[in-house]
Protein backbone atom coordinates (compact mmCIF):
# COMPACT_ATOMS: atom_id res chain seq x y z
CA MET A 1 84.26 155.43 99.35
CA ALA A 2 82.72 152.93 101.80
CA GLU A 3 81.60 150.74 98.91
CA GLY A 4 85.14 150.76 97.52
CA VAL A 5 86.55 149.67 100.89
CA ILE A 6 83.98 146.86 101.10
CA VAL A 7 84.87 145.68 97.58
CA ILE A 8 88.59 145.74 98.39
CA MET A 9 88.01 143.81 101.65
CA PHE A 10 85.79 141.32 99.86
CA SER A 11 88.34 140.82 97.07
CA ARG A 12 91.14 140.34 99.57
CA ARG A 13 89.09 137.84 101.57
CA ALA A 14 88.10 136.04 98.38
CA ARG A 15 91.75 135.78 97.35
CA ILE A 16 92.63 134.41 100.77
CA TYR A 17 89.81 131.85 100.57
CA ILE A 18 90.92 130.83 97.09
CA ALA A 19 94.54 130.52 98.24
CA LEU A 20 93.49 128.48 101.26
CA PHE A 21 91.25 126.29 99.10
CA ALA A 22 94.04 125.73 96.58
CA ALA A 23 96.53 124.92 99.34
CA ALA A 24 94.05 122.57 101.01
CA MET A 25 93.26 120.85 97.71
CA THR A 26 96.96 120.41 96.96
CA GLY A 27 97.59 118.99 100.40
CA PHE A 28 94.58 116.69 100.29
CA ALA A 29 95.42 115.56 96.75
CA ALA A 30 98.88 114.62 97.97
CA LEU A 31 97.33 112.89 100.97
CA PHE A 32 94.84 111.01 98.81
CA SER A 33 97.63 109.96 96.45
CA LEU A 34 99.57 108.71 99.44
CA ILE A 35 96.53 106.79 100.70
CA GLY A 36 95.95 105.35 97.22
CA TRP A 37 99.58 104.28 96.97
CA TYR A 38 99.39 102.74 100.44
CA LEU A 39 96.23 100.77 99.60
CA TRP A 40 97.77 99.58 96.32
CA HIS A 41 100.99 98.61 98.10
CA GLN A 42 99.08 96.72 100.79
CA SER A 43 97.07 94.88 98.11
CA VAL A 44 100.26 93.89 96.29
CA VAL A 45 101.82 92.71 99.55
CA ALA A 46 98.70 90.70 100.42
CA GLU A 47 98.63 89.06 96.98
CA GLU A 48 102.35 88.34 97.15
CA GLU A 49 101.93 86.65 100.52
CA ARG A 50 98.98 84.62 99.21
CA LEU A 51 100.86 83.47 96.12
CA GLN A 52 103.93 82.68 98.20
CA ARG A 53 101.92 80.40 100.45
CA MET A 54 100.51 78.67 97.38
CA ALA A 55 103.97 78.32 95.81
CA GLU A 56 105.36 76.84 99.01
CA ARG A 57 102.64 74.20 99.05
CA LEU A 58 103.26 73.36 95.38
CA GLY A 59 107.00 73.14 95.93
CA GLN A 60 106.62 71.02 99.04
CA GLN A 61 104.32 68.61 97.21
CA ALA A 62 106.82 68.25 94.36
CA GLU A 63 109.70 67.72 96.77
CA HIS A 64 107.75 65.14 98.75
CA THR A 65 107.00 63.24 95.53
CA ILE A 66 110.67 63.18 94.47
CA ILE A 67 111.84 62.11 97.93
CA ASP A 68 109.20 59.38 98.04
CA ALA A 69 110.29 58.16 94.59
CA ARG A 70 113.91 58.03 95.76
CA ALA A 71 112.89 55.98 98.81
CA LEU A 72 110.87 53.65 96.56
CA LEU A 73 113.90 52.98 94.33
CA ASN A 74 116.04 52.21 97.36
CA GLN A 75 113.37 49.79 98.60
CA LEU A 76 113.21 47.98 95.25
CA ASN A 77 117.02 47.71 95.03
CA GLU A 78 117.05 45.87 98.35
CA LEU A 79 114.70 43.09 97.13
CA SER A 80 116.22 39.59 97.11
CA ILE A 81 114.03 38.06 94.42
CA GLU A 82 114.73 37.01 90.88
CA ALA A 83 114.90 39.99 88.52
CA CYS A 84 112.00 40.28 86.07
CA SER A 85 110.26 37.25 87.59
CA GLN A 86 106.52 37.32 88.06
CA GLN A 87 107.07 37.95 91.74
CA HIS A 88 109.34 40.90 90.90
CA LEU A 89 106.78 42.31 88.49
CA ASP A 90 103.98 41.86 91.05
CA VAL A 91 105.95 43.79 93.68
CA MET A 92 106.63 46.62 91.23
CA GLN A 93 102.95 46.66 90.28
CA GLU A 94 101.88 46.77 93.92
CA VAL A 95 104.06 49.76 94.91
CA ALA A 96 103.13 51.61 91.71
CA VAL A 97 99.40 51.30 92.36
CA ALA A 98 99.91 52.85 95.84
CA ARG A 99 101.39 55.99 94.26
CA PRO A 100 99.13 57.87 91.80
CA TYR A 101 102.02 59.86 90.37
CA VAL A 102 103.85 56.69 89.18
CA ARG A 103 103.28 55.77 85.54
CA GLY A 104 105.78 52.94 85.39
CA ILE A 105 108.68 51.15 87.11
CA GLY A 106 111.54 49.41 85.30
CA TYR A 107 114.49 47.16 85.99
CA TRP A 108 117.89 47.85 84.39
CA ARG A 109 120.96 45.82 83.71
CA ALA A 110 123.80 48.13 82.77
CA ALA A 111 122.47 50.55 80.11
CA ASP A 112 119.46 48.45 79.09
CA ARG A 113 115.98 48.35 80.59
CA GLN A 114 115.20 44.65 81.00
CA CYS A 115 111.59 44.73 82.17
CA GLY A 116 108.99 46.94 83.75
CA ILE A 117 105.35 47.57 84.61
CA GLY A 118 102.94 50.28 83.48
CA PHE A 119 102.58 51.78 80.04
CA ALA A 120 106.34 52.54 80.02
CA GLN A 121 107.50 48.92 80.06
CA ASN A 122 110.03 49.31 77.22
CA PHE A 123 110.86 52.93 77.97
CA THR A 124 114.55 53.69 77.34
CA PRO A 125 115.11 57.42 76.69
CA ALA A 126 118.26 58.93 75.28
CA LYS A 127 120.97 60.86 77.13
CA ALA A 128 120.11 61.71 80.74
CA SER A 129 119.53 65.33 81.84
CA ARG A 130 121.37 64.96 85.17
CA ILE A 131 123.76 62.42 86.67
CA TYR A 132 124.42 62.96 90.36
CA ALA A 133 127.33 61.86 92.51
CA SER A 134 124.85 59.95 94.68
CA GLY A 135 124.18 57.63 91.75
CA ILE A 136 120.81 59.09 90.76
CA VAL A 137 120.25 59.54 87.02
CA ALA A 138 117.38 61.79 85.91
CA TRP A 139 115.64 62.52 82.62
CA TRP A 140 113.59 65.74 82.60
CA PRO A 141 110.29 65.86 80.71
CA GLY A 142 110.81 66.54 77.02
CA LYS A 143 110.54 65.05 73.54
CA ASP A 144 112.80 62.12 74.46
CA THR A 145 110.60 61.17 77.43
CA GLU A 146 107.24 61.68 75.78
CA ILE A 147 104.77 58.79 75.76
CA SER A 148 101.25 59.14 74.33
CA GLY A 149 101.80 62.88 74.08
CA VAL A 150 102.79 63.25 77.75
CA PRO A 151 106.40 64.25 78.58
CA LEU A 152 107.41 62.15 81.59
CA PHE A 153 110.01 62.48 84.31
CA LEU A 154 112.30 59.46 84.73
CA MET A 155 114.50 58.88 87.76
CA ARG A 156 116.85 55.87 88.04
CA TYR A 157 118.81 54.75 91.08
CA GLY A 158 120.71 51.47 91.15
CA ARG A 159 118.96 48.82 89.06
CA HIS A 160 115.46 50.37 89.12
CA ASP A 161 113.79 53.45 87.71
CA VAL A 162 110.47 55.17 88.33
CA VAL A 163 108.50 57.03 85.66
CA ILE A 164 106.56 60.03 87.03
CA ASP A 165 103.79 62.03 85.39
CA PRO A 166 104.94 65.63 86.20
CA ARG A 167 101.40 66.91 85.77
CA LEU A 168 100.60 65.28 89.09
CA LEU A 169 103.39 67.18 90.88
CA MET A 170 101.20 70.29 91.04
CA ASP A 171 97.78 70.34 92.69
CA ARG A 172 95.68 72.22 90.16
CA SER A 173 93.02 72.93 92.79
CA LEU A 174 95.48 75.27 94.49
CA LEU A 175 96.04 77.30 91.34
CA GLU A 176 92.48 78.64 90.96
CA ASN A 177 92.83 78.83 87.17
CA ARG A 178 96.18 80.58 87.30
CA GLU A 179 99.06 79.61 85.04
CA ALA A 180 102.01 78.11 86.87
CA GLY A 181 105.35 76.46 86.22
CA LEU A 182 107.62 74.28 88.35
CA TRP A 183 111.40 74.21 87.91
CA VAL A 184 113.60 71.66 89.66
CA GLU A 185 117.37 72.02 89.50
CA HIS A 186 116.69 75.07 87.26
CA LEU A 187 115.10 72.81 84.62
CA LEU A 188 111.44 73.07 83.72
CA MET A 189 109.52 70.13 85.15
CA VAL A 190 105.92 71.04 84.30
CA THR A 191 103.57 73.88 83.40
CA THR A 192 99.85 74.19 84.04
CA PRO A 193 98.19 74.33 81.62
CA ARG A 194 100.60 72.30 79.51
CA ASP A 195 100.75 74.85 76.68
CA ALA A 196 101.38 77.82 79.01
CA VAL A 197 104.38 79.94 78.01
CA LEU A 198 105.90 81.24 81.21
CA PRO A 199 108.96 83.40 81.82
CA ALA A 200 111.94 81.48 83.23
CA PRO A 201 112.75 82.11 86.91
CA SER A 202 116.26 83.28 86.00
CA GLY A 203 114.78 86.36 84.30
CA LEU A 204 112.50 87.32 87.18
CA LYS A 205 113.08 88.98 90.51
CA SER A 206 111.97 87.13 93.60
CA GLY A 207 108.45 88.02 94.74
CA LEU A 208 105.67 89.73 92.81
CA THR A 209 106.06 91.76 89.61
CA ILE A 210 103.40 93.84 87.86
CA ASP A 211 103.76 93.42 84.09
CA SER A 212 101.85 96.49 82.85
CA ALA A 213 102.65 95.80 79.19
CA GLU A 214 101.05 92.34 79.27
CA GLN A 215 98.50 93.30 81.96
CA ARG A 216 99.44 90.43 84.21
CA VAL A 217 100.86 89.72 87.65
CA ILE A 218 103.94 87.46 87.80
CA ALA A 219 105.16 85.87 91.01
CA ARG A 220 108.38 83.93 91.35
CA PHE A 221 109.40 82.10 94.50
CA SER A 222 112.54 80.05 95.15
CA LEU A 223 112.06 77.50 97.89
CA GLY A 224 114.73 76.50 100.35
CA THR A 225 114.04 72.81 99.98
CA ILE A 226 116.34 69.79 99.55
CA PHE A 227 116.15 70.28 95.80
CA PRO A 228 116.43 73.76 94.27
CA ILE A 229 112.78 74.37 93.32
CA ASP A 230 111.37 77.49 91.66
CA VAL A 231 107.69 78.20 91.17
CA VAL A 232 106.38 80.85 88.75
CA VAL A 233 102.71 81.85 88.91
CA VAL A 234 101.00 84.17 86.40
CA GLN A 235 97.54 85.68 86.62
CA PRO A 236 95.74 88.38 84.61
CA MET A 237 95.47 91.84 86.16
CA ARG A 238 91.69 91.60 85.93
CA ASP A 239 91.77 88.76 88.47
CA PHE A 240 93.93 90.87 90.75
CA TRP A 241 91.46 93.76 90.52
CA GLN A 242 88.54 91.43 91.17
CA ASN A 243 90.18 90.36 94.41
CA TYR A 244 91.29 93.75 95.71
CA LEU A 245 89.43 96.51 93.89
CA PRO A 246 86.34 96.35 96.17
CA SER A 247 88.44 96.83 99.30
CA ILE A 248 90.54 99.55 97.62
CA LEU A 249 87.40 101.39 96.51
CA THR A 250 85.80 101.03 99.93
CA ALA A 251 88.89 102.37 101.66
CA GLY A 252 89.21 105.08 99.00
CA VAL A 253 85.61 106.23 99.48
CA PHE A 254 86.15 106.26 103.23
CA GLY A 255 89.39 108.20 102.73
CA LEU A 256 87.61 110.70 100.48
CA LEU A 257 84.90 111.11 103.10
CA VAL A 258 87.47 111.74 105.83
CA ILE A 259 89.39 114.15 103.59
CA GLY A 260 86.16 115.92 102.69
CA LEU A 261 85.23 116.30 106.34
CA CYS A 262 88.72 117.53 107.19
CA MET A 263 88.61 119.98 104.30
CA PHE A 264 85.19 121.22 105.37
CA GLY A 265 86.46 121.64 108.93
CA LEU A 266 89.59 123.43 107.72
CA MET A 267 87.59 125.78 105.53
CA GLN A 268 85.16 126.48 108.36
CA PHE A 269 88.05 127.10 110.75
CA SER A 270 89.88 129.28 108.21
CA ARG A 271 86.70 131.13 107.41
CA ARG A 272 86.03 131.77 111.08
CA LYS A 273 89.62 132.78 111.68
CA LEU A 274 89.67 135.13 108.71
CA SER A 275 86.30 136.50 109.69
CA LEU A 276 87.47 136.87 113.28
CA ALA A 277 90.68 138.60 112.17
CA SER A 278 88.70 140.99 109.98
CA GLU A 279 86.25 141.61 112.81
CA LEU A 280 89.11 142.19 115.27
CA LYS A 281 90.56 144.80 112.93
CA GLU A 282 87.19 146.55 112.78
CA ALA A 283 86.89 146.34 116.57
CA ILE A 284 90.31 147.94 117.02
CA VAL A 285 89.53 150.73 114.58
CA GLY A 286 86.02 151.20 115.99
CA GLY A 287 87.13 151.47 119.60
CA GLU A 288 85.40 148.23 120.64
CA ILE A 289 88.45 146.92 122.52
CA LYS A 290 87.82 147.71 126.17
CA ALA A 291 90.26 147.82 129.06
CA SER A 292 89.97 146.35 132.51
CA TYR A 293 92.40 147.12 135.27
CA GLN A 294 93.82 144.72 137.86
CA PRO A 295 95.03 146.74 140.84
CA ILE A 296 98.65 146.55 141.96
CA VAL A 297 99.06 147.12 145.70
CA ASP A 298 101.87 147.76 148.13
CA LEU A 299 102.23 144.49 150.05
CA HIS A 300 103.35 146.31 153.20
CA THR A 301 100.56 148.92 153.37
CA GLY A 302 97.81 147.45 151.16
CA ARG A 303 97.59 150.75 149.29
CA CYS A 304 96.81 150.70 145.56
CA VAL A 305 99.70 152.15 143.58
CA GLY A 306 98.71 151.20 140.06
CA ALA A 307 97.12 148.61 137.81
CA GLU A 308 97.82 146.35 134.87
CA SER A 309 95.58 147.10 131.90
CA LEU A 310 94.03 144.04 130.29
CA ALA A 311 92.34 144.00 126.88
CA ARG A 312 88.75 142.78 126.68
CA TRP A 313 86.75 142.13 123.50
CA THR A 314 83.05 141.36 123.22
CA ARG A 315 81.83 140.58 119.71
CA TYR A 316 78.69 142.00 118.14
CA ASN A 317 76.77 138.83 119.05
CA GLY A 318 77.69 139.06 122.72
CA GLU A 319 80.42 136.40 122.58
CA VAL A 320 83.34 137.25 124.83
CA VAL A 321 86.63 136.43 123.10
CA GLY A 322 89.49 135.78 125.51
CA PRO A 323 92.89 137.43 125.10
CA ASP A 324 94.39 133.95 124.72
CA VAL A 325 92.51 133.84 121.38
CA PHE A 326 92.55 137.38 120.00
CA VAL A 327 96.07 138.41 121.06
CA PRO A 328 97.77 135.56 119.08
CA LEU A 329 95.31 136.31 116.26
CA ALA A 330 96.37 139.97 116.32
CA GLU A 331 100.01 138.87 116.21
CA GLU A 332 99.41 136.60 113.21
CA SER A 333 97.42 139.31 111.42
CA GLY A 334 99.92 142.13 112.08
CA LEU A 335 97.41 143.92 114.34
CA LEU A 336 99.34 143.87 117.61
CA THR A 337 100.52 147.46 117.41
CA GLY A 338 97.00 148.58 116.54
CA LEU A 339 95.72 146.64 119.55
CA THR A 340 98.33 148.25 121.82
CA THR A 341 97.55 151.77 120.64
CA ALA A 342 93.82 151.08 121.04
CA MET A 343 94.49 150.08 124.67
CA LEU A 344 96.61 153.22 125.16
CA THR A 345 93.78 155.38 123.81
CA GLU A 346 91.29 153.64 126.11
CA ILE A 347 93.51 154.14 129.19
CA VAL A 348 94.03 157.85 128.50
CA SER A 349 90.34 158.34 127.73
CA GLU A 350 89.10 156.57 130.86
CA LEU A 351 91.79 157.33 133.42
CA GLY A 352 93.49 160.44 132.05
CA GLY A 353 91.99 162.71 134.67
CA LEU A 354 92.86 160.30 137.52
CA LEU A 355 96.45 160.00 136.30
CA ARG A 356 96.89 163.74 135.97
CA GLU A 357 95.57 164.31 139.51
CA ASN A 358 97.60 161.44 141.03
CA PRO A 359 101.14 161.52 139.63
CA ASP A 360 102.20 158.58 141.85
CA LEU A 361 99.65 156.30 140.16
CA SER A 362 100.79 154.31 137.10
CA ILE A 363 99.00 152.02 134.66
CA ASN A 364 100.92 149.14 133.10
CA LEU A 365 100.51 148.80 129.32
CA ASN A 366 101.53 145.48 127.76
CA ILE A 367 103.63 145.93 124.63
CA SER A 368 105.00 143.32 122.20
CA ALA A 369 108.20 142.82 120.26
CA GLN A 370 106.34 144.28 117.25
CA ASP A 371 105.63 147.44 119.26
CA ILE A 372 109.25 147.76 120.31
CA GLU A 373 110.37 147.48 116.69
CA SER A 374 107.65 149.86 115.43
CA GLU A 375 108.55 153.53 114.99
CA GLU A 376 104.83 154.19 114.56
CA PHE A 377 104.04 152.97 118.09
CA SER A 378 106.75 155.12 119.60
CA ASP A 379 105.36 158.19 117.84
CA VAL A 380 101.73 157.41 118.74
CA LEU A 381 102.67 156.81 122.39
CA SER A 382 104.48 160.14 122.59
CA LYS A 383 101.75 162.12 120.81
CA THR A 384 98.87 160.55 122.76
CA LEU A 385 100.40 161.36 126.13
CA LEU A 386 101.37 164.85 125.01
CA ASP A 387 97.84 165.61 123.75
CA SER A 388 96.22 164.23 126.92
CA GLY A 389 98.59 165.85 129.38
CA VAL A 390 99.40 162.48 130.98
CA HIS A 391 103.00 162.20 132.12
CA PRO A 392 105.00 159.27 130.64
CA LYS A 393 105.80 157.99 134.15
CA SER A 394 102.07 157.30 134.55
CA ILE A 395 102.29 154.67 131.80
CA LYS A 396 104.57 151.77 132.74
CA LEU A 397 105.45 149.52 129.79
CA GLU A 398 105.28 145.75 130.36
CA ILE A 399 107.30 143.51 128.06
CA THR A 400 107.12 139.71 128.29
CA GLU A 401 110.42 138.00 128.83
CA ARG A 402 110.03 136.14 125.54
CA ALA A 403 109.49 139.42 123.66
CA LEU A 404 112.91 140.81 124.55
CA VAL A 405 114.67 141.00 121.19
CA ASP A 406 118.41 140.59 121.46
CA SER A 407 119.38 143.52 119.24
CA ASP A 408 121.01 146.92 119.70
CA GLU A 409 117.99 148.53 118.05
CA ALA A 410 115.60 147.01 120.61
CA ARG A 411 117.86 148.05 123.47
CA GLY A 412 118.02 151.56 122.04
CA ARG A 413 114.22 151.90 121.82
CA ILE A 414 113.74 150.60 125.38
CA SER A 415 116.38 153.08 126.54
CA ARG A 416 114.55 155.95 124.80
CA PHE A 417 111.26 154.93 126.43
CA ARG A 418 112.95 155.21 129.84
CA GLN A 419 114.49 158.55 128.91
CA ARG A 420 111.00 159.89 128.23
CA GLY A 421 109.94 158.81 131.72
CA HIS A 422 108.35 155.39 131.18
CA ALA A 423 109.26 152.66 133.65
CA ILE A 424 109.96 149.26 132.04
CA ALA A 425 108.76 146.00 133.62
CA ILE A 426 109.51 142.47 132.50
CA ASP A 427 106.26 140.48 132.59
CA ASP A 428 105.87 136.76 133.41
CA PHE A 429 109.48 136.55 134.50
CA GLY A 430 110.80 133.03 135.05
CA THR A 431 108.80 131.39 132.26
CA GLY A 432 111.40 132.24 129.62
CA TYR A 433 115.11 131.57 129.38
CA SER A 434 116.67 134.88 130.38
CA SER A 435 119.91 134.90 132.30
CA LEU A 436 121.06 137.58 134.71
CA SER A 437 123.68 138.86 132.26
CA TYR A 438 121.04 139.03 129.51
CA LEU A 439 118.70 141.14 131.64
CA GLU A 440 121.54 143.41 132.66
CA SER A 441 121.98 144.37 129.00
CA PHE A 442 118.53 146.04 129.04
CA GLU A 443 117.51 149.13 130.99
CA ILE A 444 114.58 147.89 133.09
CA ASP A 445 112.94 148.94 136.34
CA ALA A 446 110.85 146.00 137.56
CA LEU A 447 110.38 142.25 137.36
CA LYS A 448 106.95 140.64 137.54
CA ILE A 449 107.00 137.12 139.02
CA ASP A 450 104.66 134.79 137.14
CA LYS A 451 101.65 133.28 138.92
CA VAL A 452 102.96 129.73 138.46
CA PHE A 453 105.78 130.48 140.92
CA VAL A 454 103.48 132.27 143.37
CA ASP A 455 101.18 129.22 143.41
CA ALA A 456 104.14 127.04 144.40
CA ILE A 457 105.15 129.08 147.44
CA GLU A 458 106.20 126.74 150.29
CA THR A 459 104.90 123.65 148.50
CA HIS A 460 106.79 120.56 147.38
CA ALA A 461 106.54 121.60 143.74
CA VAL A 462 109.80 121.98 141.84
CA THR A 463 108.91 125.60 141.02
CA SER A 464 108.80 126.49 144.72
CA ASN A 465 112.60 126.42 144.74
CA VAL A 466 112.80 128.90 141.85
CA ILE A 467 111.04 131.92 143.33
CA PRO A 468 113.74 132.72 145.96
CA HIS A 469 116.34 132.79 143.18
CA VAL A 470 114.15 135.10 141.07
CA ILE A 471 113.74 137.46 144.04
CA ASP A 472 117.49 137.43 144.71
CA MET A 473 118.17 138.14 141.04
CA ALA A 474 115.83 141.15 141.07
CA LYS A 475 117.39 142.47 144.26
CA SER A 476 120.88 142.13 142.80
CA LEU A 477 119.72 144.29 139.85
CA GLU A 478 118.04 146.76 142.26
CA LEU A 479 114.66 146.25 140.57
CA ASP A 480 111.15 146.59 141.94
CA ILE A 481 109.46 143.18 142.28
CA ILE A 482 105.79 142.64 141.46
CA ALA A 483 104.20 139.26 142.21
CA GLU A 484 101.26 138.19 140.03
CA GLY A 485 98.36 135.92 140.88
CA ILE A 486 98.33 136.34 144.68
CA GLU A 487 95.22 134.61 145.97
CA SER A 488 95.88 134.02 149.69
CA ARG A 489 97.08 136.06 152.64
CA HIS A 490 99.70 133.40 153.27
CA GLN A 491 101.27 134.06 149.85
CA ALA A 492 101.20 137.83 150.38
CA ASP A 493 102.84 137.56 153.81
CA TRP A 494 105.56 135.22 152.55
CA LEU A 495 106.36 137.49 149.60
CA SER A 496 106.45 140.57 151.80
CA ALA A 497 108.83 138.83 154.21
CA GLN A 498 111.12 138.03 151.27
CA GLY A 499 111.33 141.68 150.29
CA VAL A 500 108.76 141.70 147.47
CA ASN A 501 107.11 145.10 147.69
CA LEU A 502 104.28 144.95 145.14
CA GLY A 503 101.63 142.42 144.18
CA GLN A 504 98.41 141.82 142.25
CA GLY A 505 95.81 139.12 142.32
CA TYR A 506 92.33 138.12 143.42
CA LEU A 507 93.30 138.54 147.08
CA PHE A 508 93.15 142.29 146.48
CA ALA A 509 90.77 142.64 143.53
CA LYS A 510 89.76 141.00 140.28
CA PRO A 511 90.21 142.99 137.04
CA LEU A 512 87.93 146.04 137.23
CA TYR A 513 86.43 148.30 134.60
CA ALA A 514 87.40 151.99 134.74
CA ASP A 515 84.66 153.26 137.05
CA GLU A 516 85.16 150.32 139.41
CA PHE A 517 88.91 150.86 139.46
CA ILE A 518 88.58 154.58 140.14
CA LYS A 519 86.32 153.78 143.11
CA PHE A 520 88.77 151.11 144.32
CA TYR A 521 91.70 153.50 144.09
CA LEU A 522 89.99 156.50 145.64
CA VAL A 523 88.08 154.66 148.35
CA ASP A 524 89.32 151.14 149.10
CA GLY A 525 92.94 151.58 148.05
CA LYS A 526 93.57 154.81 149.86
CA ARG A 527 91.70 153.69 152.95
CA LYS A 528 93.88 150.59 153.21
CA GLY A 529 96.89 152.75 152.71
CA GLY A 530 95.98 154.69 155.74
């Protein structure tokens, strides 16, 4: 039978571990995917910003060249020398040499080119590509403007023109072996290399595009310059990966390491928590949950009239687990009612004789919302007291303010507890959100003032103004008042003067084990009571 129980427990724990592992893996996979997407996105953004800076420089260079050519034409038109004379030709030659992008300069009379310098001396292309209201006439590079296999850009203003090699409009050193194209006025000016086939800007969105089909990165940027200029840059995906894959992999490995450590920590935590929950269950069943008792005294006489029972758990290895750890764990694991009944059994076992001999003595048992809702607890409570001969009034039930369930069923159970003879106390009052009308809907006998308000007595803390209202509220409901956490005579005297009749805290005694409490009650408590 024992082996079967062990197998069942092991299988259940294994299933929980597997479920936790699967949930953790799913969560971490989602997290890793998110990290991967973020790294990819940041790489794309970085590349887009880099290409945009490069495109801006290319566009600015092209614009500067066109503006300079326009200024040159204006300068030549203002010359007052004989057209096509040697002096005129010398001047044209001089300004051309100073500008590397210039392949020729010509002089026009009406629709005919009369003379010029450079290898385009007799260059007269066909119909112009653009004629502007400013008087500028432009021929874009193409078959009609090709000389020696190089399509040239021709711009005429007034009586002069300038022939520009568009290949020199883009600084190839900036491109780092990328393919690029430059459009001016939405017409293609130049591509690098010359035979590159690039998508037109009109068919591309602004910014960077990943072309998975062609395995390339395409960037298109429109510059807010004097002339409408568009730059398109294309690079293979392999170049993109060469630039960013090392950093992505480094960050990814680091992310995997962090995720692995987090997963290890989570599994260790879950394993400990599951192990601790299983161990707590065994401790409850095996009677390893011990009770200590903090005396409750009459503030006027100093006589001990009862105690609050507090659960204590020491693990097999000697580690003391605080109630702030194992009580929430019991709640999560559905063990709270088992914990409460274990405490009840311990109280009756240790103090049953004292309670039977002293009917005015009562021990406070903390119960939870789960206990209130549990028919099992109600039955166990009734049977345990009946079997032990302990009167129900000797067991006062403490319910935290937050555990009060606003339901007719809860009110009915609390009412039945009182009908049996149990007094009902609201624990840690003032730390929740109960109103006077809400409390009035429950049948209760006492309010316990939380230590945080006792600590603030006659101080400048905001909470010091609350405790008089709590006391007045309890008095208006004709309830006993118990102050928790009293540590100084000053606090006890102030509370007594305000009409608080009962208190507990280190001023009177720390939590005591059963034999110590019995001695305190029979010797110290009664002696103080006179």
